[in-house]
Amino acid sequence: MRGRHLHSRRLRELEERLDDAERDIDRLENTLRGIVRETNDISVGGLCKCGKSLLIVRQRTVYCPHCKYRRAI
């Protein structure tokens, strides 16, 4: 019975951490949307090939802030 209780507690802790991470992601997404709205010449594109960041699009250039990938469009 003790093992089952430990498993339940661990599962509950993981669910709480996941909920916290989802809230953090929502906050970051809302903040990013606000920044993009305030900055007229910048938009956010799709996922970079590195998989670590979304691409920033500005003045006909796409740029990854994580891996520094840059390409004119």
N, C-alpha and C. Protein backbone atom coordinates (compact mmCIF):
# COMPACT_ATOMS: atom_id res chain seq x y z
N MET A 1 0.82 -1.19 0.00
CA MET A 1 0.00 0.00 0.00
C MET A 1 0.87 1.26 0.00
N ARG A 2 2.00 1.21 0.69
CA ARG A 2 2.89 2.37 0.76
C ARG A 2 3.39 2.76 -0.63
N GLY A 3 3.71 1.80 -1.48
CA GLY A 3 4.17 2.08 -2.84
C GLY A 3 3.10 2.78 -3.65
N ARG A 4 1.87 2.38 -3.48
CA ARG A 4 0.77 3.00 -4.22
C ARG A 4 0.59 4.45 -3.76
N HIS A 5 0.71 4.68 -2.45
CA HIS A 5 0.59 6.04 -1.91
C HIS A 5 1.71 6.92 -2.45
N LEU A 6 2.92 6.39 -2.50
CA LEU A 6 4.08 7.13 -3.02
C LEU A 6 3.87 7.46 -4.50
N HIS A 7 3.37 6.50 -5.25
CA HIS A 7 3.10 6.71 -6.67
C HIS A 7 2.04 7.80 -6.86
N SER A 8 0.99 7.77 -6.06
CA SER A 8 -0.07 8.77 -6.15
C SER A 8 0.45 10.17 -5.83
N ARG A 9 1.29 10.25 -4.81
CA ARG A 9 1.86 11.54 -4.43
C ARG A 9 2.76 12.07 -5.54
N ARG A 10 3.57 11.20 -6.09
CA ARG A 10 4.49 11.59 -7.17
C ARG A 10 3.70 12.05 -8.40
N LEU A 11 2.64 11.35 -8.73
CA LEU A 11 1.79 11.72 -9.85
C LEU A 11 1.14 13.09 -9.61
N ARG A 12 0.66 13.32 -8.41
CA ARG A 12 0.06 14.60 -8.05
C ARG A 12 1.08 15.74 -8.18
N GLU A 13 2.31 15.49 -7.72
CA GLU A 13 3.37 16.50 -7.84
C GLU A 13 3.69 16.81 -9.29
N LEU A 14 3.73 15.78 -10.13
CA LEU A 14 4.01 15.98 -11.55
C LEU A 14 2.88 16.76 -12.22
N GLU A 15 1.64 16.46 -11.84
CA GLU A 15 0.51 17.19 -12.39
C GLU A 15 0.56 18.66 -11.99
N GLU A 16 0.95 18.95 -10.76
CA GLU A 16 1.08 20.33 -10.31
C GLU A 16 2.18 21.06 -11.08
N ARG A 17 3.30 20.38 -11.30
CA ARG A 17 4.40 20.99 -12.06
C ARG A 17 3.98 21.25 -13.50
N LEU A 18 3.23 20.33 -14.09
CA LEU A 18 2.74 20.52 -15.45
C LEU A 18 1.77 21.70 -15.51
N ASP A 19 0.88 21.80 -14.55
CA ASP A 19 -0.05 22.93 -14.50
C ASP A 19 0.71 24.25 -14.38
N ASP A 20 1.74 24.28 -13.53
CA ASP A 20 2.56 25.49 -13.37
C ASP A 20 3.25 25.85 -14.69
N ALA A 21 3.80 24.85 -15.37
CA ALA A 21 4.49 25.09 -16.64
C ALA A 21 3.51 25.61 -17.69
N GLU A 22 2.31 25.06 -17.73
CA GLU A 22 1.30 25.53 -18.69
C GLU A 22 0.92 26.99 -18.41
N ARG A 23 0.79 27.36 -17.15
CA ARG A 23 0.48 28.75 -16.81
C ARG A 23 1.63 29.67 -17.21
N ASP A 24 2.87 29.22 -16.98
CA ASP A 24 4.03 30.02 -17.38
C ASP A 24 4.06 30.23 -18.90
N ILE A 25 3.77 29.18 -19.64
CA ILE A 25 3.75 29.28 -21.11
C ILE A 25 2.66 30.25 -21.55
N ASP A 26 1.48 30.17 -20.95
CA ASP A 26 0.40 31.11 -21.29
C ASP A 26 0.83 32.55 -21.02
N ARG A 27 1.49 32.80 -19.90
CA ARG A 27 1.95 34.15 -19.57
C ARG A 27 2.96 34.64 -20.61
N LEU A 28 3.90 33.77 -20.95
CA LEU A 28 4.91 34.15 -21.94
C LEU A 28 4.30 34.43 -23.31
N GLU A 29 3.34 33.59 -23.71
CA GLU A 29 2.67 33.81 -24.99
C GLU A 29 1.92 35.13 -24.99
N ASN A 30 1.22 35.44 -23.91
CA ASN A 30 0.49 36.71 -23.82
C ASN A 30 1.45 37.90 -23.86
N THR A 31 2.57 37.78 -23.18
CA THR A 31 3.58 38.83 -23.18
C THR A 31 4.16 39.03 -24.57
N LEU A 32 4.47 37.93 -25.24
CA LEU A 32 5.02 38.00 -26.59
C LEU A 32 4.02 38.64 -27.55
N ARG A 33 2.75 38.27 -27.44
CA ARG A 33 1.73 38.89 -28.29
C ARG A 33 1.66 40.40 -28.05
N GLY A 34 1.77 40.81 -26.80
CA GLY A 34 1.75 42.23 -26.47
C GLY A 34 2.94 42.96 -27.05
N ILE A 35 4.11 42.37 -26.97
CA ILE A 35 5.31 42.98 -27.53
C ILE A 35 5.18 43.12 -29.04
N VAL A 36 4.68 42.08 -29.69
CA VAL A 36 4.52 42.12 -31.15
C VAL A 36 3.51 43.21 -31.53
N ARG A 37 2.42 43.35 -30.78
CA ARG A 37 1.43 44.40 -31.06
C ARG A 37 2.05 45.79 -30.93
N GLU A 38 2.90 45.98 -29.93
CA GLU A 38 3.51 47.28 -29.68
C GLU A 38 4.62 47.61 -30.67
N THR A 39 5.19 46.62 -31.28
CA THR A 39 6.31 46.81 -32.21
C THR A 39 5.80 46.51 -33.61
N ASN A 40 5.46 47.53 -34.33
CA ASN A 40 4.77 47.38 -35.61
C ASN A 40 5.54 46.62 -36.68
N ASP A 41 6.86 46.70 -36.68
CA ASP A 41 7.61 46.09 -37.77
C ASP A 41 8.15 44.70 -37.46
N ILE A 42 7.68 44.07 -36.39
CA ILE A 42 8.14 42.73 -36.02
C ILE A 42 6.94 41.79 -35.94
N SER A 43 7.14 40.57 -36.43
CA SER A 43 6.12 39.54 -36.24
C SER A 43 6.84 38.25 -35.86
N VAL A 44 6.06 37.28 -35.47
CA VAL A 44 6.60 36.00 -35.04
C VAL A 44 6.20 34.96 -36.07
N GLY A 45 7.17 34.20 -36.54
CA GLY A 45 6.93 33.16 -37.53
C GLY A 45 6.84 31.79 -36.89
N GLY A 46 7.08 30.79 -37.68
CA GLY A 46 7.01 29.40 -37.23
C GLY A 46 8.23 28.99 -36.43
N LEU A 47 8.25 27.74 -36.09
CA LEU A 47 9.33 27.15 -35.30
C LEU A 47 10.61 27.08 -36.13
N CYS A 48 11.72 27.47 -35.54
CA CYS A 48 13.03 27.37 -36.20
C CYS A 48 13.41 25.89 -36.35
N LYS A 49 14.29 25.62 -37.30
CA LYS A 49 14.74 24.25 -37.50
C LYS A 49 15.50 23.70 -36.29
N CYS A 50 16.03 24.58 -35.43
CA CYS A 50 16.72 24.12 -34.21
C CYS A 50 15.71 23.58 -33.19
N GLY A 51 14.44 24.00 -33.32
CA GLY A 51 13.40 23.53 -32.42
C GLY A 51 13.37 24.20 -31.07
N LYS A 52 14.22 25.20 -30.86
CA LYS A 52 14.32 25.85 -29.55
C LYS A 52 13.62 27.19 -29.46
N SER A 53 13.20 27.74 -30.61
CA SER A 53 12.60 29.07 -30.60
C SER A 53 11.71 29.25 -31.83
N LEU A 54 10.80 30.21 -31.72
CA LEU A 54 10.06 30.65 -32.89
C LEU A 54 10.92 31.67 -33.63
N LEU A 55 10.67 31.80 -34.92
CA LEU A 55 11.42 32.76 -35.72
C LEU A 55 10.83 34.16 -35.57
N ILE A 56 11.69 35.14 -35.55
CA ILE A 56 11.29 36.54 -35.53
C ILE A 56 11.42 37.05 -36.97
N VAL A 57 10.39 37.72 -37.45
CA VAL A 57 10.39 38.26 -38.80
C VAL A 57 10.42 39.78 -38.71
N ARG A 58 11.44 40.37 -39.35
CA ARG A 58 11.59 41.83 -39.30
C ARG A 58 12.33 42.30 -40.53
N GLN A 59 11.78 43.30 -41.18
CA GLN A 59 12.40 43.91 -42.35
C GLN A 59 12.87 42.87 -43.36
N ARG A 60 11.96 41.99 -43.73
CA ARG A 60 12.20 40.95 -44.73
C ARG A 60 13.32 39.98 -44.36
N THR A 61 13.53 39.78 -43.06
CA THR A 61 14.53 38.83 -42.57
C THR A 61 13.90 37.97 -41.49
N VAL A 62 14.18 36.67 -41.53
CA VAL A 62 13.76 35.79 -40.43
C VAL A 62 15.00 35.50 -39.59
N TYR A 63 14.79 35.44 -38.29
CA TYR A 63 15.91 35.33 -37.35
C TYR A 63 15.50 34.46 -36.17
N CYS A 64 16.40 33.57 -35.77
CA CYS A 64 16.17 32.75 -34.58
C CYS A 64 17.03 33.31 -33.43
N PRO A 65 16.39 33.73 -32.35
CA PRO A 65 17.17 34.29 -31.23
C PRO A 65 17.96 33.22 -30.47
N HIS A 66 17.65 31.95 -30.71
CA HIS A 66 18.38 30.90 -29.98
C HIS A 66 19.66 30.48 -30.72
N CYS A 67 19.50 30.02 -31.97
CA CYS A 67 20.67 29.50 -32.70
C CYS A 67 21.31 30.52 -33.63
N LYS A 68 20.70 31.71 -33.72
CA LYS A 68 21.21 32.83 -34.52
C LYS A 68 21.04 32.60 -36.03
N TYR A 69 20.24 31.63 -36.43
CA TYR A 69 19.92 31.43 -37.84
C TYR A 69 19.31 32.71 -38.39
N ARG A 70 19.70 33.09 -39.61
CA ARG A 70 19.17 34.32 -40.22
C ARG A 70 19.08 34.08 -41.72
N ARG A 71 17.96 34.55 -42.29
CA ARG A 71 17.78 34.40 -43.73
C ARG A 71 16.89 35.54 -44.25
N ALA A 72 17.26 36.11 -45.38
CA ALA A 72 16.44 37.13 -46.02
C ALA A 72 15.28 36.43 -46.73
N ILE A 73 14.14 37.11 -46.73
CA ILE A 73 12.97 36.54 -47.43
C ILE A 73 12.51 37.49 -48.53
